[in-house]
N, C-alpha and C. Protein backbone atom coordinates (compact mmCIF):
# COMPACT_ATOMS: atom_id res chain seq x y z
N MET A 1 97.24 -82.51 95.65
CA MET A 1 96.61 -82.75 96.76
C MET A 1 95.99 -81.49 97.28
N ASN A 2 94.73 -81.77 97.59
CA ASN A 2 93.93 -80.24 97.98
C ASN A 2 93.87 -80.37 99.32
N ASN A 3 93.70 -79.71 100.37
CA ASN A 3 93.36 -79.40 101.75
C ASN A 3 92.17 -79.19 101.87
N ILE A 4 91.20 -79.86 102.30
CA ILE A 4 90.01 -79.79 102.91
C ILE A 4 90.02 -79.29 104.23
N THR A 5 89.42 -78.46 104.94
CA THR A 5 89.80 -78.19 106.19
C THR A 5 88.32 -78.08 106.78
N PHE A 6 88.10 -79.17 107.63
CA PHE A 6 86.83 -78.99 108.37
C PHE A 6 87.38 -78.54 109.88
N ALA A 7 86.66 -77.34 110.07
CA ALA A 7 87.16 -76.97 111.17
C ALA A 7 86.23 -77.32 112.48
N ALA A 8 86.90 -77.64 113.50
CA ALA A 8 86.33 -77.86 114.74
C ALA A 8 86.91 -77.15 115.91
N HIS A 9 86.59 -75.70 116.03
CA HIS A 9 87.16 -74.95 117.02
C HIS A 9 86.62 -75.24 118.61
N TYR A 10 87.35 -75.36 119.22
CA TYR A 10 86.85 -75.44 120.59
C TYR A 10 88.02 -74.69 121.60
N SER A 11 87.64 -74.16 122.56
CA SER A 11 88.58 -73.39 123.45
C SER A 11 89.41 -74.25 124.47
N LEU A 12 90.56 -74.15 124.60
CA LEU A 12 91.25 -74.83 125.53
C LEU A 12 91.67 -73.86 126.72
N LYS A 13 92.28 -74.18 127.80
CA LYS A 13 92.62 -73.52 128.73
C LYS A 13 93.65 -72.34 128.23
N GLY A 14 93.69 -70.94 128.56
CA GLY A 14 94.62 -70.14 128.04
C GLY A 14 94.37 -69.55 126.61
N GLY A 15 92.85 -69.91 126.09
CA GLY A 15 92.38 -69.28 124.89
C GLY A 15 93.04 -69.96 123.61
N ILE A 16 93.65 -71.16 123.74
CA ILE A 16 94.08 -71.75 122.69
C ILE A 16 92.98 -72.38 121.71
N LYS A 17 92.93 -72.38 120.65
CA LYS A 17 91.99 -73.18 119.98
C LYS A 17 92.46 -74.19 119.06
N ALA A 18 91.80 -75.09 118.78
CA ALA A 18 92.21 -76.30 118.14
C ALA A 18 91.50 -76.54 116.76
N MET A 19 92.05 -77.12 115.71
CA MET A 19 91.41 -77.20 114.40
C MET A 19 91.80 -78.47 114.03
N LEU A 20 91.19 -79.46 113.23
CA LEU A 20 91.26 -80.65 112.76
C LEU A 20 91.41 -80.30 111.16
N ILE A 21 92.47 -80.95 110.63
CA ILE A 21 92.68 -80.63 109.17
C ILE A 21 92.57 -81.89 108.53
N ILE A 22 91.79 -82.28 107.49
CA ILE A 22 91.76 -83.30 106.80
C ILE A 22 92.23 -83.05 105.37
N ASP A 23 93.31 -84.00 104.88
CA ASP A 23 93.86 -84.03 103.58
C ASP A 23 92.85 -84.85 102.63
N SER A 24 92.57 -84.36 101.45
CA SER A 24 91.92 -84.95 100.58
C SER A 24 92.22 -85.08 99.08
N LYS A 25 92.11 -86.06 98.51
CA LYS A 25 92.65 -86.13 96.92
C LYS A 25 91.71 -85.54 96.25
N ASP A 26 92.21 -85.13 94.81
CA ASP A 26 91.35 -84.33 93.97
C ASP A 26 89.88 -85.27 93.63
N CYS A 27 90.29 -86.66 93.44
CA CYS A 27 89.01 -87.47 93.17
C CYS A 27 88.32 -87.87 94.34
N GLU A 28 88.56 -87.61 95.60
CA GLU A 28 87.77 -88.15 96.54
C GLU A 28 86.51 -87.52 96.65
N ASN A 29 85.42 -88.29 97.06
CA ASN A 29 84.26 -87.90 97.41
C ASN A 29 84.06 -87.25 98.93
N ILE A 30 83.20 -86.28 98.80
CA ILE A 30 82.97 -85.31 100.07
C ILE A 30 82.54 -86.26 101.08
N ASP A 31 81.90 -87.24 100.84
CA ASP A 31 81.32 -88.21 101.89
C ASP A 31 82.62 -89.13 102.68
N LYS A 32 83.57 -89.29 101.83
CA LYS A 32 84.50 -90.03 102.39
C LYS A 32 85.56 -89.12 103.30
N ALA A 33 85.56 -87.97 102.80
CA ALA A 33 86.28 -86.62 103.65
C ALA A 33 85.54 -86.75 104.86
N LEU A 34 84.28 -86.49 105.03
CA LEU A 34 83.47 -86.31 106.10
C LEU A 34 83.80 -87.69 107.04
N LYS A 35 83.74 -88.56 106.53
CA LYS A 35 83.89 -90.03 107.38
C LYS A 35 85.19 -89.80 108.08
N LYS A 36 86.43 -89.56 107.25
CA LYS A 36 87.72 -89.34 107.86
C LYS A 36 87.67 -88.23 108.95
N TYR A 37 86.90 -87.14 108.66
CA TYR A 37 86.89 -86.26 109.57
C TYR A 37 86.29 -86.68 110.79
N LYS A 38 85.01 -87.20 110.88
CA LYS A 38 84.34 -87.96 112.01
C LYS A 38 85.52 -88.67 112.73
N LYS A 39 86.12 -89.89 112.13
CA LYS A 39 86.94 -90.50 112.87
C LYS A 39 88.07 -89.81 113.54
N LYS A 40 88.67 -88.83 112.85
CA LYS A 40 89.71 -88.02 113.41
C LYS A 40 89.13 -87.43 114.70
N PHE A 41 87.96 -86.76 114.44
CA PHE A 41 87.33 -85.85 115.68
C PHE A 41 87.04 -87.07 116.86
N GLU A 42 86.67 -88.19 116.62
CA GLU A 42 86.28 -88.94 117.79
C GLU A 42 87.61 -89.60 118.54
N LYS A 43 88.87 -89.95 117.66
CA LYS A 43 90.04 -90.09 118.08
C LYS A 43 90.53 -89.00 118.76
N SER A 44 90.49 -87.91 118.74
CA SER A 44 90.88 -86.54 119.43
C SER A 44 90.26 -86.49 120.78
N LYS A 45 89.07 -87.08 121.05
CA LYS A 45 88.39 -86.89 122.18
C LYS A 45 88.00 -85.55 122.57
N THR A 46 87.77 -84.95 121.80
CA THR A 46 87.42 -83.41 121.90
C THR A 46 86.18 -83.20 122.65
N LEU A 47 85.24 -84.25 122.11
CA LEU A 47 83.85 -83.76 122.72
C LEU A 47 83.94 -84.41 124.07
N LEU A 48 84.59 -85.48 124.49
CA LEU A 48 84.75 -85.94 126.00
C LEU A 48 85.33 -85.01 126.83
N GLN A 49 86.33 -84.08 126.08
CA GLN A 49 87.06 -82.90 126.91
C GLN A 49 86.15 -81.93 127.29
N LEU A 50 85.13 -81.74 126.28
CA LEU A 50 84.29 -80.38 126.42
C LEU A 50 83.28 -80.76 127.58
N ARG A 51 82.73 -81.99 127.48
CA ARG A 51 81.52 -82.46 128.41
C ARG A 51 82.37 -82.46 129.81
N GLU A 52 83.52 -82.87 130.07
CA GLU A 52 84.28 -82.89 131.13
C GLU A 52 84.47 -81.65 131.79
N ARG A 53 84.58 -80.62 130.96
CA ARG A 53 84.68 -79.10 131.51
C ARG A 53 83.46 -78.41 131.83
N GLN A 54 82.33 -78.96 131.50
CA GLN A 54 81.16 -78.36 131.63
C GLN A 54 80.50 -78.35 133.27
N THR A 55 81.23 -79.53 134.00
CA THR A 55 80.83 -79.33 135.32
C THR A 55 81.89 -79.58 136.01
N PHE A 56 82.18 -79.21 137.23
CA PHE A 56 83.40 -79.57 137.96
C PHE A 56 83.19 -80.72 139.12
N THR A 57 84.02 -81.59 139.06
CA THR A 57 84.03 -82.91 139.74
C THR A 57 85.01 -82.89 140.75
N LYS A 58 84.74 -82.89 142.15
CA LYS A 58 85.86 -82.90 143.13
C LYS A 58 86.82 -83.90 142.93
N PRO A 59 88.09 -83.66 143.16
CA PRO A 59 89.41 -84.82 143.01
C PRO A 59 88.78 -86.01 143.83
N SER A 60 88.30 -85.91 144.92
CA SER A 60 87.89 -86.88 145.93
C SER A 60 86.96 -87.89 145.19
N ILE A 61 86.00 -87.42 144.53
CA ILE A 61 84.95 -88.20 143.81
C ILE A 61 85.77 -89.04 142.36
N THR A 62 86.53 -88.06 141.96
CA THR A 62 87.17 -88.70 140.70
C THR A 62 87.93 -89.87 141.09
N ARG A 63 88.65 -89.85 142.30
CA ARG A 63 89.52 -90.82 142.90
C ARG A 63 88.65 -91.98 143.38
N ARG A 64 87.54 -91.61 144.03
CA ARG A 64 86.66 -92.72 144.57
C ARG A 64 86.12 -93.56 143.24
N ALA A 65 85.79 -92.93 142.13
CA ALA A 65 85.49 -93.70 141.09
C ALA A 65 86.46 -94.67 140.35
N GLN A 66 87.74 -93.91 140.31
CA GLN A 66 88.69 -94.76 139.80
C GLN A 66 89.05 -96.10 140.76
N VAL A 67 89.06 -95.74 142.04
CA VAL A 67 89.28 -97.12 142.98
C VAL A 67 88.03 -98.01 142.83
N LEU A 68 86.80 -97.64 142.73
CA LEU A 68 85.56 -98.60 142.62
C LEU A 68 85.78 -99.36 141.17
N LYS A 69 86.25 -98.61 140.01
CA LYS A 69 86.39 -99.14 138.88
C LYS A 69 87.79 -100.20 138.71
N ALA A 70 88.69 -99.98 139.53
CA ALA A 70 89.81 -100.89 139.68
C ALA A 70 89.32 -102.03 140.53
N ILE A 71 88.35 -101.87 141.44
CA ILE A 71 87.84 -103.13 142.29
C ILE A 71 87.08 -103.81 141.62
N TYR A 72 86.14 -103.25 140.85
CA TYR A 72 85.30 -104.03 139.85
C TYR A 72 86.18 -104.97 138.57
N LYS A 73 87.07 -104.09 138.20
CA LYS A 73 87.85 -105.01 137.33
C LYS A 73 88.75 -106.12 137.76
N GLN A 74 89.15 -105.97 139.01
CA GLN A 74 89.95 -107.02 139.69
C GLN A 74 88.94 -108.26 139.93
N LYS A 75 87.80 -108.03 140.58
CA LYS A 75 86.81 -108.88 140.62
C LYS A 75 86.36 -109.73 139.61
N LEU A 76 86.25 -108.98 138.40
CA LEU A 76 85.90 -109.45 137.30
C LEU A 76 86.94 -110.62 136.69
N ALA A 77 88.27 -110.12 136.76
CA ALA A 77 89.54 -110.89 136.36
C ALA A 77 89.67 -112.17 137.26
N SER A 78 89.30 -112.17 138.48
CA SER A 78 89.43 -113.04 139.57
C SER A 78 88.42 -114.14 139.12
N GLY A 79 87.09 -113.81 138.50
CA GLY A 79 86.01 -114.62 138.52
C GLY A 79 85.04 -114.47 139.40
N GLN A 80 85.09 -113.66 140.41
CA GLN A 80 83.88 -113.15 141.40
C GLN A 80 82.70 -112.86 140.87
N ILE A 81 83.12 -112.10 139.61
CA ILE A 81 81.59 -111.61 139.03
C ILE A 81 81.75 -111.90 137.61
N GLU A 82 80.47 -112.46 137.28
CA GLU A 82 80.61 -112.82 135.89
C GLU A 82 79.59 -111.74 134.97
N GLU A 83 79.93 -111.70 133.75
CA GLU A 83 79.39 -110.80 133.00
C GLU A 83 78.16 -111.30 132.34
């Protein structure tokens, strides 16, 4: 089994760098390996973390958004709001 490494380097706090490694079989197409890489990258939520770190959000605003989301979900579950 060959190791095909698609590197997605990003910095975490403390200078730690992360990398995704995709294992590929000898007969596997490069397109399939890229597809695996994209799925693994999406599941790791790397892009979301990077976007969150670009701007600072005050903790009070984060909490307020969570409360509003919970209220909305509760109303949706009780039938007060229809989708």
